[in-house]
Amino acid sequence: ARIERARPDPERASKIQSLHKRLRTFCNYCSQVGDERPVSVCQFAANSKLLATGSWSGLCKLWSVPECKEKRL
């Protein structure tokens, strides 16, 4: 497998170049910290009154919207 990866593959190189081109246009509009570590995922509830966040620490939290207060269950 290592030998195969070491060989130049025009199709693989093309895919990587295409991916890099797309990533250069990526714009991160905001980043939030809802824990000691950055938030990596969030999802609103169907009624939009709660927001669930997951951080790099592995901790998940629920937040009230629009008050932005952490919900304790």
N, C-alpha and C. Protein backbone atom coordinates (compact mmCIF):
# COMPACT_ATOMS: atom_id res chain seq x y z
N ALA A 1 0.83 -1.19 0.00
CA ALA A 1 0.00 0.00 0.00
C ALA A 1 0.87 1.25 0.00
N ARG A 2 1.99 1.23 0.75
CA ARG A 2 2.87 2.39 0.78
C ARG A 2 3.49 2.66 -0.59
N ILE A 3 3.84 1.60 -1.29
CA ILE A 3 4.43 1.76 -2.62
C ILE A 3 3.41 2.38 -3.56
N GLU A 4 2.16 1.95 -3.47
CA GLU A 4 1.11 2.49 -4.33
C GLU A 4 0.91 3.98 -4.05
N ARG A 5 0.94 4.36 -2.77
CA ARG A 5 0.76 5.78 -2.43
C ARG A 5 1.95 6.61 -2.88
N ALA A 6 3.12 6.02 -2.89
CA ALA A 6 4.32 6.75 -3.27
C ALA A 6 4.38 7.00 -4.77
N ARG A 7 3.74 6.16 -5.55
CA ARG A 7 3.73 6.34 -7.00
C ARG A 7 2.89 7.54 -7.39
N PRO A 8 3.37 8.33 -8.31
CA PRO A 8 2.53 9.44 -8.76
C PRO A 8 1.32 8.92 -9.53
N ASP A 9 0.18 9.39 -9.18
CA ASP A 9 -1.06 9.00 -9.84
C ASP A 9 -1.72 10.27 -10.36
N PRO A 10 -1.76 10.46 -11.66
CA PRO A 10 -2.33 11.70 -12.21
C PRO A 10 -3.77 11.96 -11.76
N GLU A 11 -4.57 10.92 -11.66
CA GLU A 11 -5.96 11.10 -11.25
C GLU A 11 -6.03 11.56 -9.79
N ARG A 12 -5.22 10.93 -8.94
CA ARG A 12 -5.19 11.31 -7.52
C ARG A 12 -4.69 12.74 -7.38
N ALA A 13 -3.64 13.09 -8.10
CA ALA A 13 -3.10 14.45 -8.04
C ALA A 13 -4.14 15.46 -8.50
N SER A 14 -4.89 15.12 -9.52
CA SER A 14 -5.93 16.01 -10.01
C SER A 14 -7.02 16.21 -8.96
N LYS A 15 -7.40 15.15 -8.29
CA LYS A 15 -8.43 15.24 -7.24
C LYS A 15 -7.94 16.11 -6.09
N ILE A 16 -6.68 15.96 -5.70
CA ILE A 16 -6.12 16.76 -4.61
C ILE A 16 -6.07 18.23 -5.00
N GLN A 17 -5.66 18.51 -6.23
CA GLN A 17 -5.62 19.90 -6.70
C GLN A 17 -7.01 20.51 -6.71
N SER A 18 -7.99 19.73 -7.13
CA SER A 18 -9.37 20.21 -7.16
C SER A 18 -9.86 20.52 -5.74
N LEU A 19 -9.54 19.64 -4.81
CA LEU A 19 -9.93 19.85 -3.42
C LEU A 19 -9.26 21.10 -2.85
N HIS A 20 -7.97 21.28 -3.10
CA HIS A 20 -7.27 22.47 -2.62
C HIS A 20 -7.87 23.73 -3.20
N LYS A 21 -8.27 23.69 -4.45
CA LYS A 21 -8.88 24.86 -5.09
C LYS A 21 -10.19 25.22 -4.40
N ARG A 22 -11.01 24.21 -4.11
CA ARG A 22 -12.27 24.45 -3.41
C ARG A 22 -12.03 24.97 -2.00
N LEU A 23 -11.03 24.43 -1.30
CA LEU A 23 -10.77 24.85 0.07
C LEU A 23 -10.26 26.29 0.14
N ARG A 24 -9.57 26.75 -0.89
CA ARG A 24 -9.09 28.13 -0.89
C ARG A 24 -10.24 29.12 -0.92
N THR A 25 -11.41 28.72 -1.40
CA THR A 25 -12.56 29.61 -1.44
C THR A 25 -13.39 29.54 -0.16
N PHE A 26 -13.03 28.63 0.74
CA PHE A 26 -13.76 28.46 2.00
C PHE A 26 -13.58 29.69 2.87
N CYS A 27 -14.65 30.17 3.44
CA CYS A 27 -14.59 31.33 4.31
C CYS A 27 -15.28 30.98 5.63
N ASN A 28 -14.53 31.05 6.70
CA ASN A 28 -15.07 30.80 8.03
C ASN A 28 -15.60 32.12 8.57
N TYR A 29 -16.91 32.27 8.63
CA TYR A 29 -17.50 33.53 9.04
C TYR A 29 -17.44 33.76 10.55
N CYS A 30 -17.38 32.70 11.31
CA CYS A 30 -17.29 32.89 12.75
C CYS A 30 -16.78 31.62 13.41
N SER A 31 -16.32 31.78 14.60
CA SER A 31 -15.87 30.66 15.42
C SER A 31 -16.23 30.99 16.85
N GLN A 32 -16.82 30.07 17.53
CA GLN A 32 -17.28 30.33 18.88
C GLN A 32 -16.66 29.36 19.86
N VAL A 33 -16.50 29.81 21.07
CA VAL A 33 -16.05 28.94 22.15
C VAL A 33 -17.20 28.84 23.14
N GLY A 34 -17.73 27.64 23.32
CA GLY A 34 -18.82 27.40 24.25
C GLY A 34 -18.37 26.46 25.35
N ASP A 35 -17.07 26.29 25.46
CA ASP A 35 -16.47 25.37 26.42
C ASP A 35 -15.00 25.76 26.53
N GLU A 36 -14.21 24.96 27.21
CA GLU A 36 -12.77 25.23 27.26
C GLU A 36 -12.12 25.04 25.88
N ARG A 37 -12.75 24.23 25.05
CA ARG A 37 -12.24 23.95 23.70
C ARG A 37 -13.22 24.50 22.67
N PRO A 38 -12.78 24.75 21.45
CA PRO A 38 -13.69 25.30 20.43
C PRO A 38 -14.86 24.37 20.11
N VAL A 39 -15.97 24.99 19.73
CA VAL A 39 -17.17 24.24 19.32
C VAL A 39 -16.92 23.67 17.93
N SER A 40 -17.20 22.38 17.77
CA SER A 40 -16.95 21.74 16.48
C SER A 40 -18.24 21.41 15.73
N VAL A 41 -19.36 21.39 16.44
CA VAL A 41 -20.64 21.08 15.78
C VAL A 41 -21.77 21.75 16.56
N CYS A 42 -22.82 22.15 15.83
CA CYS A 42 -24.01 22.69 16.49
C CYS A 42 -25.23 22.37 15.65
N GLN A 43 -26.38 22.31 16.32
CA GLN A 43 -27.63 21.98 15.63
C GLN A 43 -28.78 22.63 16.38
N PHE A 44 -29.65 23.34 15.67
CA PHE A 44 -30.84 23.92 16.28
C PHE A 44 -31.93 22.87 16.40
N ALA A 45 -32.74 23.00 17.45
CA ALA A 45 -33.93 22.16 17.61
C ALA A 45 -34.95 22.55 16.54
N ALA A 46 -35.91 21.69 16.30
CA ALA A 46 -36.92 21.93 15.26
C ALA A 46 -37.70 23.22 15.53
N ASN A 47 -37.93 23.55 16.81
CA ASN A 47 -38.68 24.77 17.15
C ASN A 47 -37.77 26.00 17.28
N SER A 48 -36.47 25.83 17.06
CA SER A 48 -35.46 26.91 17.11
C SER A 48 -35.32 27.56 18.48
N LYS A 49 -35.80 26.90 19.52
CA LYS A 49 -35.68 27.46 20.87
C LYS A 49 -34.48 26.92 21.63
N LEU A 50 -33.84 25.89 21.09
CA LEU A 50 -32.65 25.30 21.71
C LEU A 50 -31.57 25.12 20.66
N LEU A 51 -30.34 25.22 21.12
CA LEU A 51 -29.18 24.96 20.28
C LEU A 51 -28.31 23.95 21.00
N ALA A 52 -27.98 22.86 20.33
CA ALA A 52 -27.07 21.86 20.89
C ALA A 52 -25.69 22.09 20.30
N THR A 53 -24.67 22.10 21.16
CA THR A 53 -23.29 22.28 20.69
C THR A 53 -22.44 21.12 21.18
N GLY A 54 -21.44 20.79 20.40
CA GLY A 54 -20.44 19.79 20.78
C GLY A 54 -19.07 20.40 20.58
N SER A 55 -18.20 20.25 21.57
CA SER A 55 -16.88 20.86 21.49
C SER A 55 -15.81 19.81 21.30
N TRP A 56 -14.61 20.28 21.03
CA TRP A 56 -13.48 19.37 20.82
C TRP A 56 -13.16 18.58 22.08
N SER A 57 -13.63 19.04 23.23
CA SER A 57 -13.39 18.31 24.48
C SER A 57 -14.30 17.09 24.59
N GLY A 58 -15.31 17.01 23.70
CA GLY A 58 -16.26 15.91 23.75
C GLY A 58 -17.51 16.25 24.53
N LEU A 59 -17.57 17.44 25.10
CA LEU A 59 -18.71 17.87 25.90
C LEU A 59 -19.82 18.41 25.01
N CYS A 60 -21.05 18.01 25.29
CA CYS A 60 -22.22 18.53 24.57
C CYS A 60 -23.02 19.40 25.52
N LYS A 61 -23.54 20.50 25.01
CA LYS A 61 -24.33 21.43 25.82
C LYS A 61 -25.58 21.85 25.07
N LEU A 62 -26.62 22.20 25.83
CA LEU A 62 -27.84 22.77 25.28
C LEU A 62 -27.92 24.23 25.69
N TRP A 63 -28.31 25.09 24.74
CA TRP A 63 -28.39 26.52 24.98
C TRP A 63 -29.79 27.00 24.62
N SER A 64 -30.32 27.94 25.43
CA SER A 64 -31.61 28.54 25.11
C SER A 64 -31.38 29.63 24.06
N VAL A 65 -32.34 29.77 23.17
CA VAL A 65 -32.26 30.78 22.11
C VAL A 65 -33.46 31.69 22.29
N PRO A 66 -33.36 32.98 22.28
CA PRO A 66 -32.21 33.82 21.97
C PRO A 66 -31.40 34.25 23.18
N GLU A 67 -31.70 33.76 24.38
CA GLU A 67 -31.01 34.22 25.59
C GLU A 67 -29.54 33.80 25.65
N CYS A 68 -29.19 32.73 24.94
CA CYS A 68 -27.82 32.18 24.94
C CYS A 68 -27.37 31.78 26.34
N LYS A 69 -28.29 31.22 27.09
CA LYS A 69 -27.96 30.71 28.42
C LYS A 69 -27.91 29.19 28.35
N GLU A 70 -26.93 28.63 29.03
CA GLU A 70 -26.78 27.17 29.05
C GLU A 70 -27.93 26.54 29.84
N LYS A 71 -28.53 25.51 29.27
CA LYS A 71 -29.62 24.79 29.93
C LYS A 71 -29.02 23.66 30.76
N ARG A 72 -29.40 23.57 31.99
CA ARG A 72 -28.96 22.48 32.86
C ARG A 72 -30.10 21.49 32.98
N LEU A 73 -29.83 20.25 32.66
CA LEU A 73 -30.87 19.22 32.74
C LEU A 73 -30.64 18.31 33.92
